[in-house]
C-alpha atoms as a PDB file:
ATOM      1  CA  UNK A   1     115.392  90.911  83.917  1.00  0.00           C
ATOM      2  CA  UNK A   2     114.167  87.365  84.355  1.00  0.00           C
ATOM      3  CA  UNK A   3     111.057  86.776  86.434  1.00  0.00           C
ATOM      4  CA  UNK A   4     110.332  83.567  88.197  1.00  0.00           C
ATOM      5  CA  UNK A   5     106.842  82.231  88.411  1.00  0.00           C
ATOM      6  CA  UNK A   6     105.062  82.330  91.718  1.00  0.00           C
ATOM      7  CA  UNK A   7     103.258  79.614  93.576  1.00  0.00           C
ATOM      8  CA  UNK A   8     100.308  79.742  93.573  1.00  0.00           C
ATOM      9  CA  UNK A   9      99.979  81.052  90.033  1.00  0.00           C
ATOM     10  CA  UNK A  10      99.262  84.776  89.676  1.00  0.00           C
ATOM     11  CA  UNK A  11      99.390  87.225  86.854  1.00  0.00           C
ATOM     12  CA  UNK A  12     102.432  89.117  88.152  1.00  0.00           C
ATOM     13  CA  UNK A  13     105.540  88.702  90.267  1.00  0.00           C
ATOM     14  CA  UNK A  14     107.397  91.536  91.979  1.00  0.00           C
ATOM     15  CA  UNK A  15     111.147  91.473  91.985  1.00  0.00           C
ATOM     16  CA  UNK A  16     113.025  92.191  95.218  1.00  0.00           C
ATOM     17  CA  UNK A  17     113.937  95.622  93.837  1.00  0.00           C
ATOM     18  CA  UNK A  18     110.259  96.385  93.130  1.00  0.00           C
ATOM     19  CA  UNK A  19     109.232  95.221  96.617  1.00  0.00           C
ATOM     20  CA  UNK A  20     111.848  97.403  98.310  1.00  0.00           C
ATOM     21  CA  UNK A  21     110.802 100.402  96.199  1.00  0.00           C
ATOM     22  CA  UNK A  22     107.160  99.870  97.206  1.00  0.00           C
ATOM     23  CA  UNK A  23     108.096  99.637 100.892  1.00  0.00           C
ATOM     24  CA  UNK A  24     110.211 102.785 100.787  1.00  0.00           C
ATOM     25  CA  UNK A  25     107.770 104.844  98.722  1.00  0.00           C
ATOM     26  CA  UNK A  26     104.769 104.082 100.919  1.00  0.00           C
ATOM     27  CA  UNK A  27     101.187 104.573  99.850  1.00  0.00           C
ATOM     28  CA  UNK A  28     100.531 106.282  96.521  1.00  0.00           C
ATOM     29  CA  UNK A  29      99.472 109.943  96.722  1.00  0.00           C
ATOM     30  CA  UNK A  30      95.968 109.191  95.442  1.00  0.00           C
ATOM     31  CA  UNK A  31      95.384 106.662  98.248  1.00  0.00           C
ATOM     32  CA  UNK A  32      96.452 109.153 100.924  1.00  0.00           C
ATOM     33  CA  UNK A  33      94.329 111.875  99.298  1.00  0.00           C
ATOM     34  CA  UNK A  34      91.258 109.620  99.145  1.00  0.00           C
ATOM     35  CA  UNK A  35      91.643 108.834 102.839  1.00  0.00           C
ATOM     36  CA  UNK A  36      91.869 112.550 103.641  1.00  0.00           C
ATOM     37  CA  UNK A  37      88.753 113.201 101.544  1.00  0.00           C
ATOM     38  CA  UNK A  38      86.853 110.479 103.425  1.00  0.00           C
ATOM     39  CA  UNK A  39      88.026 111.774 106.811  1.00  0.00           C
ATOM     40  CA  UNK A  40      87.136 115.395 105.993  1.00  0.00           C
ATOM     41  CA  UNK A  41      83.729 114.395 104.688  1.00  0.00           C
ATOM     42  CA  UNK A  42      83.023 112.438 107.885  1.00  0.00           C
ATOM     43  CA  UNK A  43      84.158 115.395 110.028  1.00  0.00           C
ATOM     44  CA  UNK A  44      81.878 117.773 108.138  1.00  0.00           C
ATOM     45  CA  UNK A  45      78.924 115.387 108.459  1.00  0.00           C
ATOM     46  CA  UNK A  46      79.525 115.243 112.230  1.00  0.00           C
ATOM     47  CA  UNK A  47      79.677 119.050 112.452  1.00  0.00           C
ATOM     48  CA  UNK A  48      76.543 119.492 110.372  1.00  0.00           C
ATOM     49  CA  UNK A  49      74.707 116.832 112.376  1.00  0.00           C
ATOM     50  CA  UNK A  50      75.521 118.646 115.616  1.00  0.00           C
ATOM     51  CA  UNK A  51      73.978 121.841 114.235  1.00  0.00           C
ATOM     52  CA  UNK A  52      76.944 123.847 115.482  1.00  0.00           C
ATOM     53  CA  UNK A  53      80.161 125.142 114.002  1.00  0.00           C
ATOM     54  CA  UNK A  54      78.627 126.119 110.651  1.00  0.00           C
ATOM     55  CA  UNK A  55      81.585 128.388 109.902  1.00  0.00           C
ATOM     56  CA  UNK A  56      84.091 125.598 110.573  1.00  0.00           C
ATOM     57  CA  UNK A  57      82.027 123.219 108.399  1.00  0.00           C
ATOM     58  CA  UNK A  58      82.165 125.715 105.517  1.00  0.00           C
ATOM     59  CA  UNK A  59      85.925 126.091 105.903  1.00  0.00           C
ATOM     60  CA  UNK A  60      86.373 122.309 105.894  1.00  0.00           C
ATOM     61  CA  UNK A  61      84.044 122.046 102.887  1.00  0.00           C
ATOM     62  CA  UNK A  62      86.309 124.405 100.934  1.00  0.00           C
ATOM     63  CA  UNK A  63      89.295 122.231 101.865  1.00  0.00           C
ATOM     64  CA  UNK A  64      87.354 119.081 100.896  1.00  0.00           C
ATOM     65  CA  UNK A  65      86.371 120.450  97.484  1.00  0.00           C
ATOM     66  CA  UNK A  66      89.956 121.553  96.848  1.00  0.00           C
ATOM     67  CA  UNK A  67      91.117 117.974  97.529  1.00  0.00           C
ATOM     68  CA  UNK A  68      88.351 116.574  95.289  1.00  0.00           C
ATOM     69  CA  UNK A  69      89.439 118.931  92.506  1.00  0.00           C
ATOM     70  CA  UNK A  70      93.087 117.874  92.879  1.00  0.00           C
ATOM     71  CA  UNK A  71      92.048 114.229  92.985  1.00  0.00           C
ATOM     72  CA  UNK A  72      90.104 114.600  89.739  1.00  0.00           C
ATOM     73  CA  UNK A  73      93.102 116.283  88.118  1.00  0.00           C
ATOM     74  CA  UNK A  74      95.846 113.888  89.232  1.00  0.00           C
ATOM     75  CA  UNK A  75      94.235 110.507  89.967  1.00  0.00           C
ATOM     76  CA  UNK A  76      94.186 109.286  86.333  1.00  0.00           C
ATOM     77  CA  UNK A  77      97.915 109.998  86.044  1.00  0.00           C
ATOM     78  CA  UNK A  78      98.934 108.697  89.479  1.00  0.00           C
ATOM     79  CA  UNK A  79      96.897 105.493  89.125  1.00  0.00           C
ATOM     80  CA  UNK A  80      98.088 105.073  85.516  1.00  0.00           C
ATOM     81  CA  UNK A  81      94.533 104.530  84.312  1.00  0.00           C
ATOM     82  CA  UNK A  82      94.289 102.853  80.923  1.00  0.00           C
ATOM     83  CA  UNK A  83      92.295 104.297  78.041  1.00  0.00           C
ATOM     84  CA  UNK A  84      89.437 102.410  76.404  1.00  0.00           C
ATOM     85  CA  UNK A  85      90.601 102.142  72.773  1.00  0.00           C
ATOM     86  CA  UNK A  86      87.020 102.124  71.464  1.00  0.00           C
ATOM     87  CA  UNK A  87      85.772 105.250  73.262  1.00  0.00           C
ATOM     88  CA  UNK A  88      88.967 107.039  74.282  1.00  0.00           C
ATOM     89  CA  UNK A  89      87.673 107.260  77.868  1.00  0.00           C
ATOM     90  CA  UNK A  90      89.717 106.438  80.938  1.00  0.00           C
ATOM     91  CA  UNK A  91      89.041 103.106  82.616  1.00  0.00           C
ATOM     92  CA  UNK A  92      89.078 102.939  86.402  1.00  0.00           C
ATOM     93  CA  UNK A  93      90.743 100.153  88.331  1.00  0.00           C
ATOM     94  CA  UNK A  94      87.495  98.139  88.247  1.00  0.00           C
ATOM     95  CA  UNK A  95      87.382  98.268  84.421  1.00  0.00           C
ATOM     96  CA  UNK A  96      84.451 100.717  84.273  1.00  0.00           C
ATOM     97  CA  UNK A  97      84.701 104.151  82.732  1.00  0.00           C
ATOM     98  CA  UNK A  98      86.232 106.581  85.210  1.00  0.00           C
ATOM     99  CA  UNK A  99      84.138 109.550  86.248  1.00  0.00           C
ATOM    100  CA  UNK A 100      85.492 112.490  88.239  1.00  0.00           C
ATOM    101  CA  UNK A 101      84.306 112.826  91.829  1.00  0.00           C
ATOM    102  CA  UNK A 102      81.534 115.405  92.184  1.00  0.00           C
ATOM    103  CA  UNK A 103      82.101 118.484  94.325  1.00  0.00           C
ATOM    104  CA  UNK A 104      80.418 118.300  97.715  1.00  0.00           C
ATOM    105  CA  UNK A 105      77.917 120.826  99.084  1.00  0.00           C
ATOM    106  CA  UNK A 106      76.646 121.447 102.596  1.00  0.00           C
ATOM    107  CA  UNK A 107      73.201 120.361 101.447  1.00  0.00           C
ATOM    108  CA  UNK A 108      74.524 116.973 100.270  1.00  0.00           C
ATOM    109  CA  UNK A 109      76.342 116.499 103.545  1.00  0.00           C
ATOM    110  CA  UNK A 110      73.292 117.606 105.563  1.00  0.00           C
ATOM    111  CA  UNK A 111      71.213 114.904 103.880  1.00  0.00           C
ATOM    112  CA  UNK A 112      73.960 112.396 104.680  1.00  0.00           C
ATOM    113  CA  UNK A 113      73.906 113.565 108.302  1.00  0.00           C
ATOM    114  CA  UNK A 114      70.126 113.105 108.460  1.00  0.00           C
ATOM    115  CA  UNK A 115      70.357 109.554 107.136  1.00  0.00           C
END
Protein backbone atom coordinates (compact mmCIF):
# COMPACT_ATOMS: atom_id res chain seq x y z
CA UNK A 1 0.00 0.00 0.00
CA UNK A 2 1.41 3.35 -1.03
CA UNK A 3 0.75 6.34 1.19
CA UNK A 4 0.73 9.86 -0.04
CA UNK A 5 2.10 12.65 2.05
CA UNK A 6 -0.29 15.11 3.59
CA UNK A 7 -0.28 18.86 3.52
CA UNK A 8 0.53 20.23 6.01
CA UNK A 9 3.17 17.70 7.00
CA UNK A 10 2.18 15.22 9.73
CA UNK A 11 3.60 12.01 11.01
CA UNK A 12 0.83 9.80 9.61
CA UNK A 13 -1.74 9.61 6.84
CA UNK A 14 -4.91 7.53 6.96
CA UNK A 15 -5.99 5.72 3.86
CA UNK A 16 -9.63 5.89 2.76
CA UNK A 17 -10.08 2.30 3.97
CA UNK A 18 -8.71 3.23 7.41
CA UNK A 19 -10.96 6.30 7.61
CA UNK A 20 -14.07 4.30 6.74
CA UNK A 21 -13.15 1.63 9.30
CA UNK A 22 -12.75 4.31 11.98
CA UNK A 23 -16.12 5.85 11.11
CA UNK A 24 -17.92 2.51 11.19
CA UNK A 25 -16.25 1.22 14.35
CA UNK A 26 -16.97 4.34 16.39
CA UNK A 27 -15.20 5.24 19.59
CA UNK A 28 -12.81 2.69 21.09
CA UNK A 29 -14.16 0.70 24.06
CA UNK A 30 -11.72 2.34 26.49
CA UNK A 31 -12.96 5.82 25.53
CA UNK A 32 -16.60 4.85 26.11
CA UNK A 33 -15.67 3.16 29.40
CA UNK A 34 -13.73 6.20 30.61
CA UNK A 35 -16.73 8.41 29.88
CA UNK A 36 -18.99 6.05 31.83
CA UNK A 37 -16.53 6.09 34.74
CA UNK A 38 -16.51 9.90 34.75
CA UNK A 39 -20.31 10.09 34.55
CA UNK A 40 -20.80 7.54 37.36
CA UNK A 41 -18.28 9.29 39.56
CA UNK A 42 -20.05 12.63 39.04
CA UNK A 43 -23.44 11.03 39.82
CA UNK A 44 -22.09 9.52 43.04
CA UNK A 45 -20.55 12.84 44.09
CA UNK A 46 -23.94 14.52 43.55
CA UNK A 47 -25.71 11.85 45.61
CA UNK A 48 -23.17 12.05 48.41
CA UNK A 49 -23.30 15.85 48.40
CA UNK A 50 -27.08 15.77 48.80
CA UNK A 51 -26.72 13.57 51.89
CA UNK A 52 -29.48 11.29 50.62
CA UNK A 53 -29.66 8.04 48.72
CA UNK A 54 -26.70 6.44 50.52
CA UNK A 55 -27.83 2.98 49.39
CA UNK A 56 -28.01 4.06 45.74
CA UNK A 57 -24.56 5.70 46.05
CA UNK A 58 -23.11 2.42 47.35
CA UNK A 59 -24.69 0.48 44.49
CA UNK A 60 -23.29 2.95 41.95
CA UNK A 61 -19.90 2.79 43.68
CA UNK A 62 -19.82 -0.98 43.17
CA UNK A 63 -20.61 -0.45 39.48
CA UNK A 64 -17.94 2.27 39.26
CA UNK A 65 -15.25 0.08 40.82
CA UNK A 66 -16.18 -2.79 38.52
CA UNK A 67 -15.67 -0.48 35.52
CA UNK A 68 -12.35 0.77 36.96
CA UNK A 69 -11.21 -2.83 37.40
CA UNK A 70 -12.17 -3.70 33.81
CA UNK A 71 -10.48 -0.54 32.57
CA UNK A 72 -7.25 -1.45 34.35
CA UNK A 73 -7.40 -4.94 32.85
CA UNK A 74 -8.20 -4.04 29.24
CA UNK A 75 -7.00 -0.47 28.62
CA UNK A 76 -3.34 -1.39 27.93
CA UNK A 77 -4.46 -3.88 25.28
CA UNK A 78 -7.21 -1.75 23.73
CA UNK A 79 -5.02 1.36 23.55
CA UNK A 80 -2.07 -0.72 22.31
CA UNK A 81 0.23 0.82 24.90
CA UNK A 82 3.92 0.45 24.11
CA UNK A 83 6.41 -1.03 26.55
CA UNK A 84 9.43 0.92 27.80
CA UNK A 85 12.35 -1.28 26.66
CA UNK A 86 14.53 -0.14 29.57
CA UNK A 87 12.07 -0.86 32.40
CA UNK A 88 9.54 -3.20 30.82
CA UNK A 89 6.71 -0.93 32.04
CA UNK A 90 3.79 0.17 29.91
CA UNK A 91 3.88 3.71 28.57
CA UNK A 92 0.65 5.70 28.47
CA UNK A 93 -0.38 7.82 25.52
CA UNK A 94 1.45 10.82 27.02
CA UNK A 95 4.75 8.88 27.16
CA UNK A 96 4.74 8.51 30.96
CA UNK A 97 4.62 5.17 32.72
CA UNK A 98 1.04 3.92 32.88
CA UNK A 99 -0.45 3.36 36.31
CA UNK A 100 -3.76 1.58 36.90
CA UNK A 101 -6.66 3.72 38.09
CA UNK A 102 -7.20 3.43 41.85
CA UNK A 103 -10.47 2.02 43.17
CA UNK A 104 -12.84 4.68 44.46
CA UNK A 105 -14.32 4.80 47.97
CA UNK A 106 -17.25 6.73 49.39
CA UNK A 107 -14.81 8.64 51.58
CA UNK A 108 -12.81 9.81 48.55
CA UNK A 109 -15.98 10.88 46.81
CA UNK A 110 -17.29 12.61 49.96
CA UNK A 111 -14.14 14.72 50.09
CA UNK A 112 -14.62 15.55 46.41
CA UNK A 113 -18.21 16.54 47.15
CA UNK A 114 -17.06 18.82 49.99
CA UNK A 115 -14.55 20.58 47.75
